[in-house]
Amino acid sequence: MANPEDEARGRLLRELRAPLAQIIDQSERLEQEAEQAGQERFVATLRKIVGAARRLSAELDDTFGLAGAQEIQRAAAPPGAALRGRLLLADGDASSGELLSLRFGERGYSVQVARDGRRALEMIDEGFFDLVLLDATMPDASGLQVLHALRRKHPPAELPVIMLTAGDQSEDVVGALKAGANDYLGKPLDLPVVLARIDAHLALKRANGEIRRLARVLEVRNQFIRSIFGRYLSEEIVTGLLEGGEGLKLGGQKRTVTVLMSDLRGFTSATEGLPPEAVVGMLNSYLAAMVDVIAKHQGTIDEFIGDAILVLFGAPVARDDDARRAVACAVEMQLAMASVNERFRREWLPEVEMGIAINTGPVVVGNIGSLKRAKYGVVGSHVNLAARIESFTVGGQILVSEHTLLAAGPAVHVGRQMDIQAKGFKEVVALYELKGIGAEYKLFLP
């Protein structure tokens, strides 16, 4: 909190210096007009007035013993006025700095003044500013050097810098803009133009700040969605939800999909005498191992039905090797059962076996349900056929349809063929016992 004595001295100093600043301002303007009109006698007189006013202003500073930056900040705005922005004015010209700071203060800005580049950088490190007005010519360092040092810590979007140059010198302007200046103004300054530029850059800074805030909020939201729904949906579906409303629309499309269905054989009877927590623990261990394998082969888990898993290859994202990846996934799932059962044996739990079916064909995929509750699902006779095929499997077995065998290609190794009459299907269905897949996968059942 400011010392009352310092505040009183600062107030008196401002009252005494305000008319001096006006004298300097008006005299300099008249001096320029006199020079243009060729009236040398008036130019000399006006320069004497400016010099006397500056000397008197300096004597006032010495008398009151206050640093320019401190008292100018207190002059920022009348009591109760809304603060429009916190400005740092780095200007080696004392009289020019005084005049600008007073003018900005009258218009609702909080202003601090630095007389040299070193002090400007110190003040930026010590305090908070919305914008910097940086003179290209400073006593101890050029404005460009100060700008380079400033930009190492503060990017243009967070701390705008307007360079003040002596005239419209293109080299100085280009150098300043390349070094990270947001804008430039030529001296002598036109106050309405300066204020308009400041307002524009502060508005842009506020907009950038709001964009960054919204981006942080969106990132937190997306992380939450991924952490929650990523446990239930595939990465593709979660990404679709995050990218926009299209992923949320009800409706479907017809496409060729490879459907994998797995189920544990005799799980209910094997766990009948176990406590509920042990049963759930077994189920979770089994599903965790299977989910890792499915994710590795980029399958989409449509749902868990007790100890059964429904997996899609080709929805929501279709690839040329959907059937091949489904076959490789099924083989690796069966191979993973060895480690699952080894863990069960260590915990004195019963071993389990899994049967898997794979079928390929045209189905309808999309968002199914209502506006209040929906799920990404698959519908069609080929889904039903996959379920029927799975019911014919025994533990440790994988059965694939002829459609899948043709779609997966010659790398697939199969054993015996069997023909079944599936419930709900008139035609006899040819099935093949999968033994493994070669090529880049090299996965084979014992």
Protein backbone atom coordinates (compact mmCIF):
# COMPACT_ATOMS: atom_id res chain seq x y z
CA MET A 1 0.00 0.00 0.00
CA ALA A 2 1.36 3.44 -0.96
CA ASN A 3 2.70 5.80 1.70
CA PRO A 4 0.24 8.77 2.24
CA GLU A 5 3.13 11.23 2.20
CA ASP A 6 4.40 9.87 -1.12
CA GLU A 7 0.88 10.06 -2.54
CA ALA A 8 0.56 13.71 -1.49
CA ARG A 9 3.94 14.60 -2.99
CA GLY A 10 3.09 12.73 -6.17
CA ARG A 11 -0.24 14.55 -6.47
CA LEU A 12 1.42 17.96 -6.00
CA LEU A 13 4.14 17.07 -8.50
CA ARG A 14 1.55 16.09 -11.11
CA GLU A 15 -0.36 19.30 -10.62
CA LEU A 16 2.79 21.36 -11.07
CA ARG A 17 4.12 19.38 -14.00
CA ALA A 18 0.89 19.11 -16.01
CA PRO A 19 0.99 22.69 -17.35
CA LEU A 20 4.71 22.28 -18.11
CA ALA A 21 3.95 19.19 -20.18
CA GLN A 22 1.28 21.10 -22.06
CA ILE A 23 3.71 23.97 -22.70
CA ILE A 24 6.31 21.54 -24.05
CA ASP A 25 3.74 19.76 -26.22
CA GLN A 26 2.26 22.91 -27.74
CA SER A 27 5.64 24.57 -28.17
CA GLU A 28 7.06 21.60 -30.04
CA ARG A 29 4.04 21.51 -32.34
CA LEU A 30 4.36 25.25 -33.02
CA GLU A 31 8.09 24.81 -33.57
CA GLN A 32 7.44 22.26 -36.30
CA GLU A 33 4.93 24.57 -37.98
CA ALA A 34 7.35 27.51 -37.76
CA GLU A 35 10.13 25.42 -39.32
CA GLN A 36 7.87 24.46 -42.21
CA ALA A 37 6.90 28.13 -42.70
CA GLY A 38 10.56 29.22 -42.60
CA GLN A 39 10.06 31.51 -39.58
CA GLU A 40 13.44 30.94 -37.92
CA ARG A 41 12.96 33.69 -35.29
CA PHE A 42 9.91 31.95 -33.85
CA VAL A 43 11.69 28.59 -33.99
CA ALA A 44 14.51 29.89 -31.78
CA THR A 45 12.08 31.43 -29.31
CA LEU A 46 9.99 28.27 -29.06
CA ARG A 47 13.12 26.17 -28.48
CA LYS A 48 14.06 28.42 -25.57
CA ILE A 49 10.58 27.93 -24.09
CA VAL A 50 10.82 24.15 -24.46
CA GLY A 51 14.28 24.08 -22.88
CA ALA A 52 13.17 26.21 -19.93
CA ALA A 53 10.09 24.04 -19.36
CA ARG A 54 12.19 20.87 -19.40
CA ARG A 55 14.72 22.32 -16.93
CA LEU A 56 11.92 23.33 -14.62
CA SER A 57 10.37 19.88 -14.87
CA ALA A 58 13.73 18.29 -13.97
CA GLU A 59 14.10 20.64 -10.98
CA LEU A 60 10.65 19.58 -9.78
CA ASP A 61 11.74 15.92 -9.94
CA ASP A 62 14.88 16.71 -7.92
CA THR A 63 12.91 18.73 -5.38
CA PHE A 64 10.29 16.08 -4.74
CA GLY A 65 12.71 13.15 -5.02
CA LEU A 66 10.28 10.81 -6.72
CA ALA A 67 11.15 8.43 -9.55
CA GLY A 68 9.24 9.23 -12.70
CA ALA A 69 7.72 5.78 -13.00
CA GLN A 70 6.19 5.80 -9.51
CA GLU A 71 4.35 9.10 -9.60
CA ILE A 72 3.17 8.61 -13.17
CA GLN A 73 1.56 5.30 -12.21
CA ARG A 74 -0.43 7.01 -9.49
CA ALA A 75 -1.64 9.50 -12.09
CA ALA A 76 -2.99 6.70 -14.25
CA ALA A 77 -6.71 7.28 -13.91
CA PRO A 78 -9.17 9.29 -11.86
CA PRO A 79 -10.60 7.53 -8.77
CA GLY A 80 -13.35 5.08 -9.63
CA ALA A 81 -12.52 5.00 -13.36
CA ALA A 82 -12.25 1.65 -15.11
CA LEU A 83 -8.64 0.75 -15.85
CA ARG A 84 -8.19 0.35 -19.61
CA GLY A 85 -4.73 -1.19 -19.45
CA ARG A 86 -1.32 -1.18 -17.77
CA LEU A 87 1.29 0.40 -20.00
CA LEU A 88 5.07 0.61 -19.78
CA LEU A 89 6.51 3.60 -21.58
CA ALA A 90 10.22 3.10 -22.27
CA ASP A 91 11.36 6.48 -23.56
CA GLY A 92 14.73 8.13 -23.16
CA ASP A 93 13.22 11.59 -23.78
CA ALA A 94 12.11 12.73 -20.32
CA SER A 95 9.74 15.47 -21.51
CA SER A 96 8.16 13.27 -24.16
CA GLY A 97 7.65 10.50 -21.61
CA GLU A 98 6.04 12.88 -19.15
CA LEU A 99 3.65 14.26 -21.70
CA LEU A 100 2.59 10.85 -23.02
CA SER A 101 2.16 9.40 -19.54
CA LEU A 102 -0.07 12.30 -18.52
CA ARG A 103 -2.15 12.00 -21.66
CA PHE A 104 -2.55 8.23 -21.22
CA GLY A 105 -3.41 8.68 -17.56
CA GLU A 106 -6.18 11.12 -18.46
CA ARG A 107 -7.70 8.44 -20.68
CA GLY A 108 -7.80 5.69 -18.10
CA TYR A 109 -4.47 3.92 -18.54
CA SER A 110 -2.08 3.03 -15.76
CA VAL A 111 1.36 4.11 -16.93
CA GLN A 112 4.88 3.52 -15.67
CA VAL A 113 7.89 5.13 -17.29
CA ALA A 114 11.38 3.71 -17.79
CA ARG A 115 14.16 6.11 -18.84
CA ASP A 116 16.51 3.44 -20.21
CA GLY A 117 16.43 -0.09 -21.60
CA ARG A 118 17.91 -1.81 -18.56
CA ARG A 119 15.29 -0.33 -16.26
CA ALA A 120 12.54 -1.23 -18.74
CA LEU A 121 13.52 -4.91 -18.65
CA GLU A 122 13.78 -4.84 -14.85
CA MET A 123 10.29 -3.35 -14.55
CA ILE A 124 8.84 -5.96 -16.92
CA ASP A 125 10.36 -8.72 -14.76
CA GLU A 126 9.10 -7.09 -11.57
CA GLY A 127 5.54 -6.22 -12.58
CA PHE A 128 2.67 -6.92 -14.92
CA PHE A 129 2.02 -4.89 -18.07
CA ASP A 130 -0.53 -5.22 -20.84
CA LEU A 131 1.53 -3.38 -23.47
CA VAL A 132 4.94 -1.77 -23.93
CA LEU A 133 5.67 1.44 -25.85
CA LEU A 134 9.37 1.11 -26.66
CA ASP A 135 11.47 3.96 -28.01
CA ALA A 136 13.94 2.84 -30.67
CA THR A 137 16.58 5.19 -29.21
CA MET A 138 17.46 4.55 -25.55
CA PRO A 139 20.37 5.93 -23.47
CA ASP A 140 22.09 2.65 -22.64
CA ALA A 141 20.86 0.30 -25.37
CA SER A 142 18.91 0.47 -28.60
CA GLY A 143 15.23 -0.31 -28.54
CA LEU A 144 15.96 -3.26 -30.81
CA GLN A 145 18.33 -4.77 -28.24
CA VAL A 146 15.72 -4.31 -25.54
CA LEU A 147 13.11 -5.92 -27.79
CA HIS A 148 15.32 -8.96 -28.43
CA ALA A 149 15.85 -9.45 -24.69
CA LEU A 150 12.15 -8.97 -23.97
CA ARG A 151 11.01 -11.48 -26.62
CA ARG A 152 13.15 -14.22 -25.09
CA LYS A 153 10.65 -14.31 -22.21
CA HIS A 154 7.45 -12.76 -23.51
CA PRO A 155 5.85 -13.74 -26.86
CA PRO A 156 4.02 -11.09 -28.93
CA ALA A 157 0.56 -12.48 -28.16
CA GLU A 158 1.12 -12.14 -24.40
CA LEU A 159 2.94 -8.79 -24.28
CA PRO A 160 2.42 -6.52 -27.30
CA VAL A 161 5.22 -4.06 -28.08
CA ILE A 162 4.78 -0.89 -30.15
CA MET A 163 8.10 0.55 -31.31
CA LEU A 164 8.47 4.33 -31.41
CA THR A 165 10.83 5.38 -34.20
CA ALA A 166 12.21 8.74 -35.25
CA GLY A 167 10.35 9.11 -38.52
CA ASP A 168 9.36 6.32 -40.88
CA GLN A 169 12.78 4.72 -41.32
CA SER A 170 12.12 1.50 -43.22
CA GLU A 171 15.23 -0.31 -41.95
CA ASP A 172 14.34 0.34 -38.32
CA VAL A 173 10.75 -0.68 -38.94
CA VAL A 174 11.63 -3.94 -40.69
CA GLY A 175 14.20 -4.81 -38.03
CA ALA A 176 11.72 -4.17 -35.24
CA LEU A 177 8.97 -6.25 -36.85
CA LYS A 178 11.37 -9.14 -37.50
CA ALA A 179 12.51 -8.99 -33.87
CA GLY A 180 8.94 -9.41 -32.65
CA ALA A 181 7.42 -5.94 -32.45
CA ASN A 182 3.64 -5.96 -32.89
CA ASP A 183 3.49 -2.50 -34.42
CA TYR A 184 5.43 0.73 -34.87
CA LEU A 185 4.72 4.45 -34.76
CA GLY A 186 6.84 7.28 -36.10
CA LYS A 187 7.76 10.31 -34.04
CA PRO A 188 6.45 12.92 -33.46
CA LEU A 189 3.51 10.92 -32.20
CA ASP A 190 -0.08 11.67 -33.09
CA LEU A 191 -1.90 10.99 -29.82
CA PRO A 192 -5.26 9.84 -31.30
CA VAL A 193 -3.40 7.41 -33.55
CA VAL A 194 -1.31 6.11 -30.63
CA LEU A 195 -4.43 5.57 -28.52
CA ALA A 196 -6.21 3.80 -31.38
CA ARG A 197 -3.24 1.46 -31.91
CA ILE A 198 -3.01 0.71 -28.19
CA ASP A 199 -6.73 -0.05 -27.97
CA ALA A 200 -6.51 -2.34 -31.01
CA HIS A 201 -3.57 -4.33 -29.64
CA LEU A 202 -5.08 -4.63 -26.18
CA ALA A 203 -8.33 -5.90 -27.71
CA LEU A 204 -6.36 -8.45 -29.73
CA LYS A 205 -4.44 -9.48 -26.62
CA ARG A 206 -7.68 -10.02 -24.71
CA ALA A 207 -9.04 -12.08 -27.60
CA ASN A 208 -5.87 -14.20 -27.70
CA GLY A 209 -6.07 -14.67 -23.96
CA GLU A 210 -9.66 -15.85 -24.24
CA ILE A 211 -8.70 -18.25 -27.02
CA ARG A 212 -5.91 -19.70 -24.87
CA ARG A 213 -8.30 -20.01 -21.94
CA LEU A 214 -10.89 -21.80 -24.06
CA ALA A 215 -8.18 -24.05 -25.49
CA ARG A 216 -7.13 -25.04 -21.97
CA VAL A 217 -10.76 -25.71 -21.01
CA LEU A 218 -11.24 -27.76 -24.19
CA GLU A 219 -8.08 -29.75 -23.53
CA VAL A 220 -9.23 -30.56 -19.98
CA ARG A 221 -12.63 -31.58 -21.36
CA ASN A 222 -11.08 -33.77 -24.04
CA GLN A 223 -8.77 -35.44 -21.55
CA PHE A 224 -11.76 -36.16 -19.33
CA ILE A 225 -13.73 -37.63 -22.24
CA ARG A 226 -10.80 -39.77 -23.32
CA SER A 227 -10.12 -40.99 -19.79
CA ILE A 228 -13.78 -41.93 -19.20
CA PHE A 229 -15.14 -43.01 -22.58
CA GLY A 230 -11.82 -44.35 -23.83
CA ARG A 231 -12.39 -47.27 -21.47
CA TYR A 232 -15.59 -48.21 -23.30
CA LEU A 233 -15.15 -47.00 -26.90
CA SER A 234 -12.42 -47.31 -29.49
CA GLU A 235 -9.99 -44.44 -30.07
CA GLU A 236 -11.61 -43.75 -33.46
CA ILE A 237 -15.07 -43.32 -31.94
CA VAL A 238 -13.79 -41.10 -29.12
CA THR A 239 -11.93 -38.96 -31.65
CA GLY A 240 -15.13 -38.67 -33.68
CA LEU A 241 -17.01 -37.49 -30.61
CA LEU A 242 -14.37 -34.85 -29.90
CA GLU A 243 -14.12 -33.57 -33.44
CA GLY A 244 -17.73 -32.53 -33.79
CA GLY A 245 -21.39 -33.29 -34.02
CA GLU A 246 -21.15 -35.68 -36.96
CA GLY A 247 -19.96 -38.45 -34.66
CA LEU A 248 -23.04 -37.98 -32.49
CA LYS A 249 -25.75 -38.15 -35.16
CA LEU A 250 -28.12 -41.08 -35.11
CA GLY A 251 -28.17 -43.22 -38.22
CA GLY A 252 -26.02 -45.73 -40.03
CA GLN A 253 -24.41 -46.83 -43.25
CA LYS A 254 -23.94 -50.12 -44.98
CA ARG A 255 -20.40 -51.43 -45.25
CA THR A 256 -18.41 -54.64 -45.23
CA VAL A 257 -17.17 -55.46 -41.74
CA THR A 258 -15.34 -58.38 -40.19
CA VAL A 259 -17.01 -59.41 -36.93
CA LEU A 260 -15.10 -61.26 -34.21
CA MET A 261 -16.98 -62.82 -31.30
CA SER A 262 -15.34 -64.57 -28.37
CA ASP A 263 -16.79 -66.32 -25.35
CA LEU A 264 -15.44 -68.27 -22.40
CA ARG A 265 -16.46 -71.92 -22.28
CA GLY A 266 -17.93 -73.11 -18.98
CA PHE A 267 -17.05 -69.92 -17.10
CA THR A 268 -20.30 -69.88 -15.10
CA SER A 269 -19.99 -73.47 -13.89
CA ALA A 270 -16.24 -73.14 -13.23
CA THR A 271 -16.74 -70.12 -10.96
CA GLU A 272 -19.97 -71.22 -9.31
CA GLY A 273 -18.51 -71.68 -5.83
CA LEU A 274 -16.29 -68.57 -5.85
CA PRO A 275 -17.03 -65.30 -4.00
CA PRO A 276 -18.45 -62.56 -6.24
CA GLU A 277 -15.29 -60.45 -5.96
CA ALA A 278 -13.18 -63.37 -7.15
CA VAL A 279 -15.46 -63.94 -10.14
CA VAL A 280 -15.31 -60.27 -11.11
CA GLY A 281 -11.54 -60.25 -10.58
CA MET A 282 -11.13 -63.22 -12.93
CA LEU A 283 -13.35 -61.63 -15.54
CA ASN A 284 -11.48 -58.32 -15.35
CA SER A 285 -8.08 -60.02 -15.68
CA TYR A 286 -9.27 -61.96 -18.72
CA LEU A 287 -10.85 -58.91 -20.38
CA ALA A 288 -7.80 -56.73 -19.67
CA ALA A 289 -5.56 -59.19 -21.52
CA MET A 290 -7.96 -59.44 -24.45
CA VAL A 291 -8.46 -55.68 -24.73
CA ASP A 292 -4.70 -55.17 -25.06
CA VAL A 293 -4.54 -57.66 -27.94
CA ILE A 294 -7.60 -56.16 -29.66
CA ALA A 295 -6.19 -52.64 -29.38
CA LYS A 296 -2.88 -53.83 -30.82
CA HIS A 297 -4.69 -55.02 -33.95
CA GLN A 298 -6.88 -51.88 -34.13
CA GLY A 299 -10.17 -53.61 -33.51
CA THR A 300 -13.21 -51.72 -32.21
CA ILE A 301 -14.78 -53.30 -29.14
CA ASP A 302 -18.50 -52.92 -29.74
CA GLU A 303 -19.49 -54.35 -26.37
CA PHE A 304 -18.83 -56.81 -23.56
CA ILE A 305 -21.66 -59.25 -22.86
CA GLY A 306 -20.66 -60.92 -19.64
CA ASP A 307 -17.58 -62.92 -20.60
CA ALA A 308 -18.27 -62.50 -24.32
CA ILE A 309 -16.65 -59.82 -26.51
CA LEU A 310 -17.97 -58.39 -29.78
CA VAL A 311 -15.23 -56.78 -31.89
CA LEU A 312 -15.49 -54.98 -35.24
CA PHE A 313 -12.81 -54.65 -37.91
CA GLY A 314 -13.80 -52.11 -40.54
CA ALA A 315 -15.96 -49.80 -38.46
CA PRO A 316 -15.93 -46.94 -37.78
CA VAL A 317 -12.70 -46.84 -39.86
CA ALA A 318 -12.38 -49.24 -42.80
CA ARG A 319 -9.00 -50.57 -43.91
CA ASP A 320 -7.90 -52.89 -46.66
CA ASP A 321 -6.58 -55.48 -44.21
CA ASP A 322 -9.58 -55.65 -41.83
CA ALA A 323 -10.08 -59.42 -42.28
CA ARG A 324 -6.34 -60.16 -41.95
CA ARG A 325 -6.08 -58.15 -38.76
CA ALA A 326 -9.15 -59.88 -37.34
CA VAL A 327 -7.58 -63.31 -38.02
CA ALA A 328 -4.26 -62.27 -36.46
CA CYS A 329 -6.11 -60.79 -33.47
CA ALA A 330 -8.04 -64.01 -32.88
CA VAL A 331 -4.88 -66.15 -32.95
CA GLU A 332 -3.06 -63.82 -30.55
CA MET A 333 -6.10 -63.77 -28.22
CA GLN A 334 -5.97 -67.57 -27.99
CA LEU A 335 -2.22 -67.47 -27.40
CA ALA A 336 -2.74 -64.90 -24.63
CA MET A 337 -4.98 -67.34 -22.74
CA ALA A 338 -1.85 -69.21 -21.59
CA SER A 339 -0.68 -66.24 -19.52
CA VAL A 340 -4.23 -65.59 -18.28
CA ASN A 341 -4.54 -69.16 -16.97
CA GLU A 342 -1.04 -69.08 -15.50
CA ARG A 343 -2.10 -66.08 -13.43
CA PHE A 344 -5.28 -67.88 -12.37
CA ARG A 345 -3.26 -70.94 -11.27
CA ARG A 346 -0.99 -68.76 -9.11
CA GLU A 347 -4.09 -67.39 -7.39
CA TRP A 348 -5.66 -70.84 -6.97
CA LEU A 349 -8.43 -70.01 -9.39
CA PRO A 350 -9.91 -72.33 -12.05
CA GLU A 351 -8.56 -72.23 -15.57
CA VAL A 352 -10.84 -71.19 -18.42
CA GLU A 353 -11.03 -71.74 -22.18
CA MET A 354 -12.22 -69.46 -24.96
CA GLY A 355 -13.90 -70.01 -28.30
CA ILE A 356 -13.71 -67.45 -31.14
CA ALA A 357 -15.70 -66.98 -34.34
CA ILE A 358 -14.93 -64.65 -37.26
CA ASN A 359 -17.28 -63.71 -40.09
CA THR A 360 -17.10 -61.07 -42.82
CA GLY A 361 -20.00 -59.47 -44.69
CA PRO A 362 -22.13 -56.39 -45.32
CA VAL A 363 -23.79 -54.94 -42.22
CA VAL A 364 -25.26 -51.63 -41.08
CA VAL A 365 -23.07 -49.66 -38.66
CA GLY A 366 -23.77 -46.39 -36.90
CA ASN A 367 -25.26 -44.71 -33.86
CA ILE A 368 -28.24 -46.64 -32.56
CA GLY A 369 -30.67 -45.50 -29.87
CA SER A 370 -32.29 -42.19 -29.02
CA LEU A 371 -31.15 -38.61 -28.50
CA LYS A 372 -30.89 -39.29 -24.75
CA ARG A 373 -28.97 -42.55 -24.97
CA ALA A 374 -27.17 -44.01 -27.95
CA LYS A 375 -24.36 -46.43 -28.77
CA TYR A 376 -22.21 -47.14 -31.76
CA GLY A 377 -23.30 -50.55 -32.96
CA VAL A 378 -23.64 -52.98 -35.83
CA VAL A 379 -26.75 -54.68 -37.17
CA GLY A 380 -27.24 -57.33 -39.84
CA SER A 381 -27.45 -61.01 -40.65
CA HIS A 382 -23.67 -61.38 -40.72
CA VAL A 383 -23.51 -60.29 -37.08
CA ASN A 384 -26.06 -62.98 -36.24
CA LEU A 385 -24.08 -65.50 -38.26
CA ALA A 386 -20.92 -64.69 -36.28
CA ALA A 387 -22.85 -65.39 -33.08
CA ARG A 388 -24.12 -68.71 -34.46
CA ILE A 389 -20.61 -69.74 -35.54
CA GLU A 390 -19.25 -68.88 -32.10
CA SER A 391 -21.78 -71.23 -30.50
CA PHE A 392 -20.20 -74.16 -32.43
CA THR A 393 -16.69 -73.51 -31.08
CA VAL A 394 -15.03 -75.43 -28.28
CA GLY A 395 -12.39 -74.14 -25.88
CA GLY A 396 -9.18 -73.08 -27.61
CA GLN A 397 -10.77 -73.15 -31.06
CA ILE A 398 -11.19 -70.44 -33.73
CA LEU A 399 -13.74 -70.94 -36.52
CA VAL A 400 -13.82 -68.63 -39.54
CA SER A 401 -16.39 -68.38 -42.30
CA GLU A 402 -15.58 -68.81 -45.95
CA HIS A 403 -16.22 -65.07 -46.45
CA THR A 404 -13.45 -64.23 -43.97
CA LEU A 405 -11.08 -66.81 -45.40
CA LEU A 406 -11.38 -65.30 -48.87
CA ALA A 407 -11.07 -61.71 -47.58
CA ALA A 408 -8.01 -62.47 -45.41
CA GLY A 409 -5.93 -63.90 -48.24
CA PRO A 410 -3.48 -66.77 -48.71
CA ALA A 411 -1.44 -66.10 -45.55
CA VAL A 412 -4.18 -67.73 -43.44
CA HIS A 413 -3.60 -71.33 -42.34
CA VAL A 414 -6.65 -73.48 -41.70
CA GLY A 415 -7.30 -77.06 -40.66
CA ARG A 416 -10.39 -79.13 -41.21
CA GLN A 417 -13.55 -77.81 -42.81
CA MET A 418 -17.01 -78.36 -41.39
CA ASP A 419 -20.48 -77.56 -42.67
CA ILE A 420 -23.11 -76.39 -40.20
CA GLN A 421 -26.78 -75.59 -40.34
CA ALA A 422 -26.97 -72.35 -38.39
CA LYS A 423 -30.21 -71.40 -36.70
CA GLY A 424 -32.10 -68.81 -38.74
CA PHE A 425 -30.11 -69.51 -41.95
CA LYS A 426 -31.47 -71.66 -44.77
CA GLU A 427 -28.15 -72.38 -46.47
CA VAL A 428 -25.47 -74.65 -45.08
CA VAL A 429 -22.52 -72.60 -43.79
CA ALA A 430 -18.96 -73.75 -44.49
CA LEU A 431 -16.54 -73.16 -41.61
CA TYR A 432 -12.79 -73.58 -41.28
CA GLU A 433 -10.73 -74.22 -38.18
CA LEU A 434 -8.10 -71.49 -37.99
CA LYS A 435 -4.56 -72.64 -37.22
CA GLY A 436 -2.61 -69.43 -37.74
CA ILE A 437 -1.51 -66.67 -40.07
CA GLY A 438 1.87 -66.19 -41.70
CA ALA A 439 3.33 -63.26 -43.64
CA GLU A 440 4.19 -60.36 -41.33
CA TYR A 441 2.25 -61.80 -38.37
CA LYS A 442 3.72 -65.33 -37.99
CA LEU A 443 1.17 -66.31 -35.36
CA PHE A 444 0.23 -69.99 -35.00
CA LEU A 445 -1.72 -72.00 -32.46
CA PRO A 446 0.07 -74.96 -30.78
